[in-house]
Amino acid sequence: MKKIKAAIFCLLILLLVAPRNVSAVSQTPNAQQRYIIEIGTYAQKYDDVFYPSVTIAQAILETGWGKSDLAKYANNHFGIKATKWNGATYDKVSDEYVNGKLQPFKSTFRKYSSLEESVQDHAIFLTSRGQWYIDHYQAVIQADSYQAQANALAGTYCTDPYYGKKLIQLIEAYHLDYFDDRRHMPNFYLNYLAGEQPKVSDSSSDQAPVDMGWQKADDIWKYKKADGQFATGWVQVDGTWYYLKSSGAMATGWVQVDGTWYYLKSSGAMATGWAQVDGTWYYLKSSGAMATGWVQVDGTWYYLKSSGAMATGWAQVDGTWYYLKSSGAMATGWAKVDGTWYYLKSSGAMATGWAQVDGTWYYLKSSGAMAIGWEKIAGVWYQFAKSGAWL
């Protein structure tokens, strides 16, 4: 079964195909437009066999607009497996069609150093691996339209019988055939969507697009966009967010944007989740924004001070005392602090007064400390065992 033995199968992203009757101008978010332009720029530069529109559509379908694990962790935007490959690899379970049914398979995929390398390898994939592949993909190689090429990829490049239809839907919905005329400049794609006539380069159609991507000068990293300009503000590259200052320099460390604090790692990547900075722990939301106040992480509550620093020990919040363990986790139940026992309610609030725990009565003083021995309460003397239990 040649279809099963083929070295590459598609990763199925089922919620990606835009409806035919939806305008790409109104439906394509900025992040998606940037992804289209990035892939399109490199496709025009390297593709000799594939129509650039087909390459872009494949990348969108295979990775969910660059968000798949394979794209984020292996820079593999086309689901190319590691058969006849001596480079780095990445293992992943993917769904493959076998006899018309989806089945999970653990596969080893090629891992690239950059998105550009992924597009470059995809461009030569069909013609650089021997005569069998050239014969196998003959209909793809000889296709005289993006429609013919997309349909020829179904059942050869990908086991999904609807693969070609999905690619064509993406191309038509987002007008990706703009990139098939290599005279069309990638940075004018958005103008074209807005109804302007395509902007063409004033030299040969084989001219390579501007050299976009990360560039380092004087130990400062900057990111050049498809239009040749250096990016400022937030930019997403290969699924990772970076912040470029007004000078274009990549930011690291703490940065305040529109009143919100973010932390950029030494690599420039925006941090999310827990981050330890100068010995202090902070929590960055999925948006990258620094958290303050109460935050629940993996079912556990933590309190972040107004500075964003994770609180430990006693913390008074809105007039109520809480105890945060050395891990930062909010304590509940009994907690012994500096030799004294305290009881924290299920809400984490420190208990005072009478408290019944597991059927036994205890008394917590106004300081929260558990009473032991004789204690005068509302003019009446009560005796408590060393365990705190009322006798």
Protein backbone atom coordinates (compact mmCIF):
# COMPACT_ATOMS: atom_id res chain seq x y z
CA MET A 1 0.00 0.00 0.00
CA LYS A 2 2.01 2.90 -1.35
CA LYS A 3 -0.21 5.46 0.29
CA ILE A 4 0.63 4.15 3.73
CA LYS A 5 4.32 3.71 2.94
CA ALA A 6 4.70 7.26 1.65
CA ALA A 7 7.07 9.22 3.84
CA ILE A 8 4.69 12.03 4.60
CA PHE A 9 1.12 12.35 5.70
CA CYS A 10 -0.83 15.42 6.69
CA LEU A 11 -1.61 16.58 10.19
CA LEU A 12 -5.36 17.15 10.13
CA ILE A 13 -6.54 20.44 11.48
CA LEU A 14 -10.30 20.20 11.07
CA LEU A 15 -11.47 23.68 12.02
CA LEU A 16 -9.36 25.72 9.66
CA VAL A 17 -11.16 25.85 6.33
CA ALA A 18 -12.87 29.20 5.87
CA PRO A 19 -16.31 29.19 4.23
CA ARG A 20 -16.34 30.10 0.55
CA ASN A 21 -18.74 32.97 1.05
CA VAL A 22 -16.70 34.75 3.73
CA SER A 23 -14.63 37.81 2.85
CA ALA A 24 -10.98 37.32 3.75
CA VAL A 25 -10.61 41.06 4.28
CA SER A 26 -13.03 41.07 7.22
CA GLN A 27 -12.32 37.57 8.53
CA THR A 28 -8.53 37.35 8.53
CA PRO A 29 -7.03 38.63 11.80
CA ASN A 30 -3.71 40.46 11.69
CA ALA A 31 -1.85 37.43 13.03
CA GLN A 32 -3.19 35.30 10.17
CA GLN A 33 -2.28 37.94 7.60
CA ARG A 34 1.27 38.06 8.96
CA TYR A 35 1.51 34.28 8.70
CA ILE A 36 0.29 34.37 5.10
CA ILE A 37 2.82 37.05 4.15
CA GLU A 38 5.71 35.24 5.89
CA ILE A 39 5.01 31.92 4.19
CA GLY A 40 4.22 33.65 0.89
CA THR A 41 7.49 35.58 0.90
CA TYR A 42 9.57 32.44 1.31
CA ALA A 43 7.37 30.45 -1.09
CA GLN A 44 7.99 33.01 -3.84
CA LYS A 45 11.70 32.86 -3.04
CA TYR A 46 12.17 29.08 -3.06
CA ASP A 47 9.23 27.30 -4.74
CA ASP A 48 9.83 25.98 -8.24
CA VAL A 49 7.46 23.00 -8.12
CA PHE A 50 4.71 24.18 -5.79
CA TYR A 51 2.40 27.07 -6.49
CA PRO A 52 3.04 29.56 -3.64
CA SER A 53 -0.71 29.62 -2.96
CA VAL A 54 -0.66 25.86 -2.42
CA THR A 55 2.36 26.13 -0.13
CA ILE A 56 0.65 28.78 2.00
CA ALA A 57 -2.59 26.79 2.17
CA GLN A 58 -0.70 23.65 3.19
CA ALA A 59 1.08 25.50 6.00
CA ILE A 60 -2.22 26.91 7.28
CA LEU A 61 -3.96 23.54 7.16
CA GLU A 62 -1.06 21.53 8.61
CA THR A 63 -0.32 23.87 11.55
CA GLY A 64 -3.50 25.80 12.31
CA TRP A 65 -1.91 29.11 11.34
CA GLY A 66 1.47 28.18 12.82
CA LYS A 67 0.08 27.18 16.23
CA SER A 68 0.58 23.40 16.16
CA ASP A 69 3.18 21.75 18.39
CA LEU A 70 5.05 20.63 15.28
CA ALA A 71 5.33 24.23 14.09
CA LYS A 72 6.13 25.71 17.50
CA TYR A 73 8.68 23.14 18.67
CA ALA A 74 10.12 21.83 15.40
CA ASN A 75 9.55 24.70 12.93
CA ASN A 76 7.93 22.07 10.72
CA HIS A 77 5.04 23.76 8.92
CA PHE A 78 4.23 21.02 6.37
CA GLY A 79 4.10 17.78 8.34
CA ILE A 80 7.23 16.41 6.62
CA LYS A 81 8.42 13.21 8.26
CA ALA A 82 12.04 12.28 8.86
CA THR A 83 12.41 9.53 6.25
CA LYS A 84 15.78 9.91 4.47
CA TRP A 85 16.74 12.68 6.84
CA ASN A 86 19.98 13.14 8.81
CA GLY A 87 19.00 16.29 10.69
CA ALA A 88 17.24 16.93 13.97
CA THR A 89 13.90 15.19 14.59
CA TYR A 90 10.70 15.59 16.62
CA ASP A 91 8.37 12.77 17.67
CA LYS A 92 4.62 13.28 17.65
CA VAL A 93 1.39 11.29 17.42
CA SER A 94 -0.60 12.26 14.32
CA ASP A 95 -3.86 11.06 12.78
CA GLU A 96 -3.59 9.23 9.44
CA TYR A 97 -6.26 7.88 7.09
CA VAL A 98 -6.00 4.10 6.63
CA ASN A 99 -8.69 2.42 4.54
CA GLY A 100 -10.80 5.54 4.86
CA LYS A 101 -10.61 5.71 8.66
CA LEU A 102 -8.57 7.99 10.92
CA GLN A 103 -6.07 6.17 13.12
CA PRO A 104 -3.39 7.56 15.50
CA PHE A 105 0.25 6.92 14.57
CA LYS A 106 3.40 7.94 16.42
CA SER A 107 5.73 9.40 13.83
CA THR A 108 9.12 11.09 13.66
CA PHE A 109 9.19 14.42 11.86
CA ARG A 110 11.91 16.67 10.52
CA LYS A 111 12.94 19.52 12.81
CA TYR A 112 14.16 22.82 11.36
CA SER A 113 15.99 25.81 12.74
CA SER A 114 13.56 28.33 11.27
CA LEU A 115 10.33 28.79 9.35
CA GLU A 116 12.36 29.76 6.28
CA GLU A 117 14.28 26.46 6.37
CA SER A 118 10.96 24.60 6.57
CA VAL A 119 9.62 26.35 3.44
CA GLN A 120 12.93 25.81 1.63
CA ASP A 121 12.92 22.08 2.36
CA HIS A 122 9.27 21.79 1.36
CA ALA A 123 10.10 23.44 -1.98
CA ILE A 124 12.53 20.64 -2.95
CA PHE A 125 10.84 17.79 -1.14
CA LEU A 126 9.21 16.16 -4.18
CA THR A 127 12.18 16.32 -6.54
CA SER A 128 15.19 15.71 -4.27
CA ARG A 129 14.51 12.20 -2.99
CA GLY A 130 14.86 9.96 -6.03
CA GLN A 131 12.94 8.77 -9.07
CA TRP A 132 10.21 6.97 -7.13
CA TYR A 133 9.07 10.23 -5.57
CA ILE A 134 9.23 12.09 -8.88
CA ASP A 135 7.04 9.40 -10.46
CA HIS A 136 4.74 9.24 -7.44
CA TYR A 137 4.16 13.00 -7.47
CA GLN A 138 4.18 13.42 -11.25
CA ALA A 139 0.66 14.88 -11.31
CA VAL A 140 1.65 17.37 -8.61
CA ILE A 141 4.85 18.41 -10.38
CA GLN A 142 3.19 18.80 -13.79
CA ALA A 143 0.06 20.58 -12.54
CA ASP A 144 -0.78 23.68 -14.57
CA SER A 145 -2.99 25.36 -11.94
CA TYR A 146 -3.22 25.57 -8.19
CA GLN A 147 -6.52 23.65 -8.35
CA ALA A 148 -4.94 20.75 -10.22
CA GLN A 149 -1.95 20.70 -7.89
CA ALA A 150 -4.06 20.81 -4.74
CA ASN A 151 -6.23 17.92 -5.94
CA ALA A 152 -3.14 15.91 -6.96
CA LEU A 153 -1.78 16.17 -3.40
CA ALA A 154 -4.80 14.31 -1.99
CA GLY A 155 -3.91 10.67 -1.56
CA THR A 156 -0.23 11.21 -2.39
CA TYR A 157 1.20 13.89 -0.10
CA CYS A 158 -1.64 13.42 2.35
CA THR A 159 -3.91 10.49 3.12
CA ASP A 160 -6.94 12.75 3.67
CA PRO A 161 -9.18 12.27 0.60
CA TYR A 162 -10.54 15.82 1.05
CA TYR A 163 -7.09 17.41 1.33
CA GLY A 164 -7.22 19.02 -2.11
CA LYS A 165 -10.67 20.46 -1.53
CA LYS A 166 -9.57 21.96 1.79
CA LEU A 167 -6.52 23.58 0.19
CA ILE A 168 -8.61 25.09 -2.61
CA GLN A 169 -11.11 26.46 -0.10
CA LEU A 170 -8.31 28.18 1.80
CA ILE A 171 -6.76 29.60 -1.37
CA GLU A 172 -10.07 31.01 -2.53
CA ALA A 173 -11.18 32.29 0.88
CA TYR A 174 -7.92 34.18 1.51
CA HIS A 175 -7.04 35.02 -2.13
CA LEU A 176 -3.71 33.23 -1.78
CA ASP A 177 -3.34 33.00 -5.58
CA TYR A 178 -2.09 36.60 -5.32
CA PHE A 179 1.33 35.09 -4.54
CA ASP A 180 1.33 32.83 -7.62
CA ASP A 181 2.34 35.79 -9.79
CA ARG A 182 5.90 36.24 -8.58
CA ARG A 183 5.85 39.85 -9.70
CA HIS A 184 3.33 40.57 -6.95
CA MET A 185 5.11 41.99 -3.93
CA PRO A 186 4.18 40.18 -0.67
CA ASN A 187 4.03 43.37 1.39
CA PHE A 188 1.18 44.67 -0.82
CA TYR A 189 -1.03 41.64 -0.16
CA LEU A 190 -3.21 43.57 2.30
CA ASN A 191 -3.61 46.42 -0.17
CA TYR A 192 -4.77 43.87 -2.72
CA LEU A 193 -7.34 42.50 -0.27
CA ALA A 194 -8.59 46.05 0.20
CA GLY A 195 -9.30 46.34 -3.51
CA GLU A 196 -6.13 47.94 -4.85
CA GLN A 197 -4.43 46.72 -8.00
CA PRO A 198 -1.53 44.31 -7.31
CA LYS A 199 1.83 46.03 -6.88
CA VAL A 200 4.50 44.41 -9.05
CA SER A 201 8.25 44.58 -8.71
CA ASP A 202 10.08 46.67 -11.29
CA SER A 203 12.59 43.94 -12.08
CA SER A 204 12.46 40.33 -13.25
CA SER A 205 9.87 37.96 -11.86
CA ASP A 206 12.64 35.84 -10.40
CA GLN A 207 13.77 38.57 -8.04
CA ALA A 208 13.98 37.27 -4.48
CA PRO A 209 11.85 39.05 -1.86
CA VAL A 210 13.39 41.21 0.82
CA ASP A 211 15.50 39.30 3.35
CA MET A 212 13.08 39.33 6.27
CA GLY A 213 13.45 37.90 9.75
CA TRP A 214 15.80 38.43 12.71
CA GLN A 215 18.89 40.55 12.12
CA LYS A 216 21.63 41.41 14.62
CA ALA A 217 23.74 44.54 14.52
CA ASP A 218 25.92 45.91 17.35
CA ASP A 219 24.61 43.13 19.62
CA ILE A 220 21.02 44.37 19.12
CA TRP A 221 18.39 42.10 17.62
CA LYS A 222 15.76 43.56 15.30
CA TYR A 223 13.05 41.91 13.22
CA LYS A 224 12.63 42.90 9.56
CA LYS A 225 9.10 42.46 8.22
CA ALA A 226 8.06 41.32 4.76
CA ASP A 227 7.73 44.97 3.71
CA GLY A 228 11.41 45.56 4.52
CA GLN A 229 10.67 47.71 7.58
CA PHE A 230 11.85 46.86 11.08
CA ALA A 231 9.04 45.83 13.39
CA THR A 232 8.06 47.77 16.50
CA GLY A 233 5.63 46.75 19.21
CA TRP A 234 4.37 43.19 19.46
CA VAL A 235 5.30 40.72 16.73
CA GLN A 236 4.64 36.98 16.57
CA VAL A 237 7.41 34.93 15.00
CA ASP A 238 7.02 31.15 14.55
CA GLY A 239 4.27 31.12 17.18
CA THR A 240 6.25 33.11 19.80
CA TRP A 241 5.55 36.71 20.81
CA TYR A 242 8.30 39.33 21.04
CA TYR A 243 8.24 43.04 21.83
CA LEU A 244 10.27 45.45 19.75
CA LYS A 245 10.97 48.91 21.17
CA SER A 246 10.30 52.09 19.20
CA SER A 247 13.92 51.86 18.01
CA GLY A 248 13.20 48.36 16.70
CA ALA A 249 15.46 46.76 19.33
CA MET A 250 14.18 43.49 20.80
CA ALA A 251 13.14 43.97 24.43
CA THR A 252 14.20 41.67 27.26
CA GLY A 253 13.26 41.77 30.94
CA TRP A 254 10.30 43.75 32.23
CA VAL A 255 8.42 46.00 29.82
CA GLN A 256 5.26 48.01 30.40
CA VAL A 257 2.90 48.22 27.43
CA ASP A 258 -0.34 50.22 27.64
CA GLY A 259 -0.16 50.13 31.43
CA THR A 260 0.38 46.35 31.66
CA TRP A 261 3.64 44.67 32.65
CA TYR A 262 5.13 41.81 30.63
CA TYR A 263 8.33 39.81 31.07
CA LEU A 264 10.51 38.99 28.09
CA LYS A 265 13.05 36.19 28.52
CA SER A 266 16.73 36.66 27.59
CA SER A 267 15.81 35.20 24.19
CA GLY A 268 13.20 37.96 23.83
CA ALA A 269 10.32 35.47 23.99
CA MET A 270 7.31 36.62 26.00
CA ALA A 271 7.03 34.63 29.22
CA THR A 272 3.83 32.95 30.35
CA GLY A 273 3.20 30.96 33.50
CA TRP A 274 5.61 31.10 36.45
CA ALA A 275 8.84 33.08 36.03
CA GLN A 276 11.53 33.64 38.64
CA VAL A 277 13.20 37.02 38.26
CA ASP A 278 16.04 38.04 40.58
CA GLY A 279 14.97 35.39 43.08
CA THR A 280 11.30 36.43 43.11
CA TRP A 281 8.46 34.46 41.55
CA TYR A 282 5.89 36.11 39.28
CA TYR A 283 2.96 34.70 37.33
CA LEU A 284 2.33 35.74 33.73
CA LYS A 285 -1.12 35.05 32.30
CA SER A 286 -1.60 33.29 28.96
CA SER A 287 -1.72 36.77 27.40
CA GLY A 288 1.68 37.46 28.97
CA ALA A 289 0.24 40.09 31.32
CA MET A 290 1.72 40.06 34.84
CA ALA A 291 -0.84 38.83 37.35
CA THR A 292 -1.65 40.61 40.60
CA GLY A 293 -4.05 39.61 43.35
CA TRP A 294 -5.47 36.11 43.59
CA VAL A 295 -4.73 33.65 40.80
CA GLN A 296 -5.59 29.96 40.55
CA VAL A 297 -2.97 27.78 38.87
CA ASP A 298 -3.55 24.06 38.38
CA GLY A 299 -6.24 24.10 41.05
CA THR A 300 -4.14 25.93 43.66
CA TRP A 301 -4.61 29.54 44.77
CA TYR A 302 -1.71 31.98 44.98
CA TYR A 303 -1.57 35.64 45.91
CA LEU A 304 0.50 38.07 43.88
CA LYS A 305 1.32 41.42 45.46
CA SER A 306 0.68 44.71 43.64
CA SER A 307 4.31 44.46 42.46
CA GLY A 308 3.46 41.07 40.94
CA ALA A 309 5.73 39.26 43.43
CA MET A 310 4.35 35.98 44.76
CA ALA A 311 3.41 36.30 48.44
CA THR A 312 4.55 33.85 51.11
CA GLY A 313 3.77 33.83 54.82
CA TRP A 314 0.97 35.97 56.24
CA ALA A 315 -0.85 38.31 53.87
CA GLN A 316 -3.79 40.57 54.68
CA VAL A 317 -6.15 41.00 51.73
CA ASP A 318 -9.20 43.25 52.01
CA GLY A 319 -9.00 43.06 55.82
CA THR A 320 -8.74 39.25 55.95
CA TRP A 321 -5.61 37.32 56.87
CA TYR A 322 -4.36 34.40 54.75
CA TYR A 323 -1.32 32.19 55.05
CA LEU A 324 0.72 31.36 51.95
CA LYS A 325 3.10 28.41 52.18
CA SER A 326 6.75 28.70 51.16
CA SER A 327 5.64 27.43 47.73
CA GLY A 328 3.20 30.32 47.55
CA ALA A 329 0.19 27.99 47.74
CA MET A 330 -2.67 29.25 49.89
CA ALA A 331 -2.99 27.20 53.07
CA THR A 332 -6.26 25.68 54.26
CA GLY A 333 -6.94 23.65 57.39
CA TRP A 334 -4.42 23.56 60.23
CA ALA A 335 -1.11 25.35 59.78
CA LYS A 336 1.71 25.64 62.33
CA VAL A 337 3.57 28.93 62.06
CA ASP A 338 6.50 29.73 64.35
CA GLY A 339 5.33 27.09 66.84
CA THR A 340 1.71 28.29 66.94
CA TRP A 341 -1.28 26.56 65.38
CA TYR A 342 -3.77 28.43 63.21
CA TYR A 343 -6.83 27.28 61.34
CA LEU A 344 -7.51 28.44 57.78
CA LYS A 345 -11.01 28.04 56.41
CA SER A 346 -11.68 26.42 53.04
CA SER A 347 -11.63 29.93 51.59
CA GLY A 348 -8.13 30.35 53.04
CA ALA A 349 -9.33 33.01 55.51
CA MET A 350 -7.80 32.77 58.99
CA ALA A 351 -10.38 31.60 61.52
CA THR A 352 -11.06 33.38 64.82
CA GLY A 353 -13.50 32.44 67.59
CA TRP A 354 -15.10 29.02 67.90
CA ALA A 355 -14.44 26.51 65.09
CA GLN A 356 -15.64 22.93 64.84
CA VAL A 357 -13.19 20.73 62.95
CA ASP A 358 -13.95 17.05 62.35
CA GLY A 359 -16.50 17.08 65.17
CA THR A 360 -14.17 18.72 67.72
CA TRP A 361 -14.46 22.29 69.00
CA TYR A 362 -11.48 24.62 69.08
CA TYR A 363 -11.09 28.25 69.96
CA LEU A 364 -8.99 30.61 67.87
CA LYS A 365 -7.98 33.87 69.54
CA SER A 366 -8.35 37.25 67.84
CA SER A 367 -4.76 36.79 66.62
CA GLY A 368 -5.83 33.49 65.06
CA ALA A 369 -3.68 31.48 67.49
CA MET A 370 -5.25 28.26 68.76
CA ALA A 371 -6.08 28.40 72.45
CA ILE A 372 -4.65 25.81 74.85
CA GLY A 373 -5.08 25.52 78.63
CA TRP A 374 -7.53 27.85 80.37
CA GLU A 375 -9.09 30.61 78.30
CA LYS A 376 -11.69 33.18 79.37
CA ILE A 377 -14.25 33.68 76.62
CA ALA A 378 -17.10 36.18 76.99
CA GLY A 379 -16.64 36.09 80.77
CA VAL A 380 -16.66 32.27 80.99
CA TRP A 381 -13.60 30.09 81.59
CA TYR A 382 -12.99 27.12 79.25
CA GLN A 383 -10.25 24.50 79.31
CA PHE A 384 -8.49 23.24 76.17
CA ALA A 385 -6.15 20.29 75.79
CA LYS A 386 -2.63 20.65 74.38
CA SER A 387 -4.14 19.56 71.06
CA GLY A 388 -6.46 22.60 71.29
CA ALA A 389 -9.56 20.43 71.73
CA TRP A 390 -12.16 21.82 74.12
CA LEU A 391 -12.39 19.62 77.21
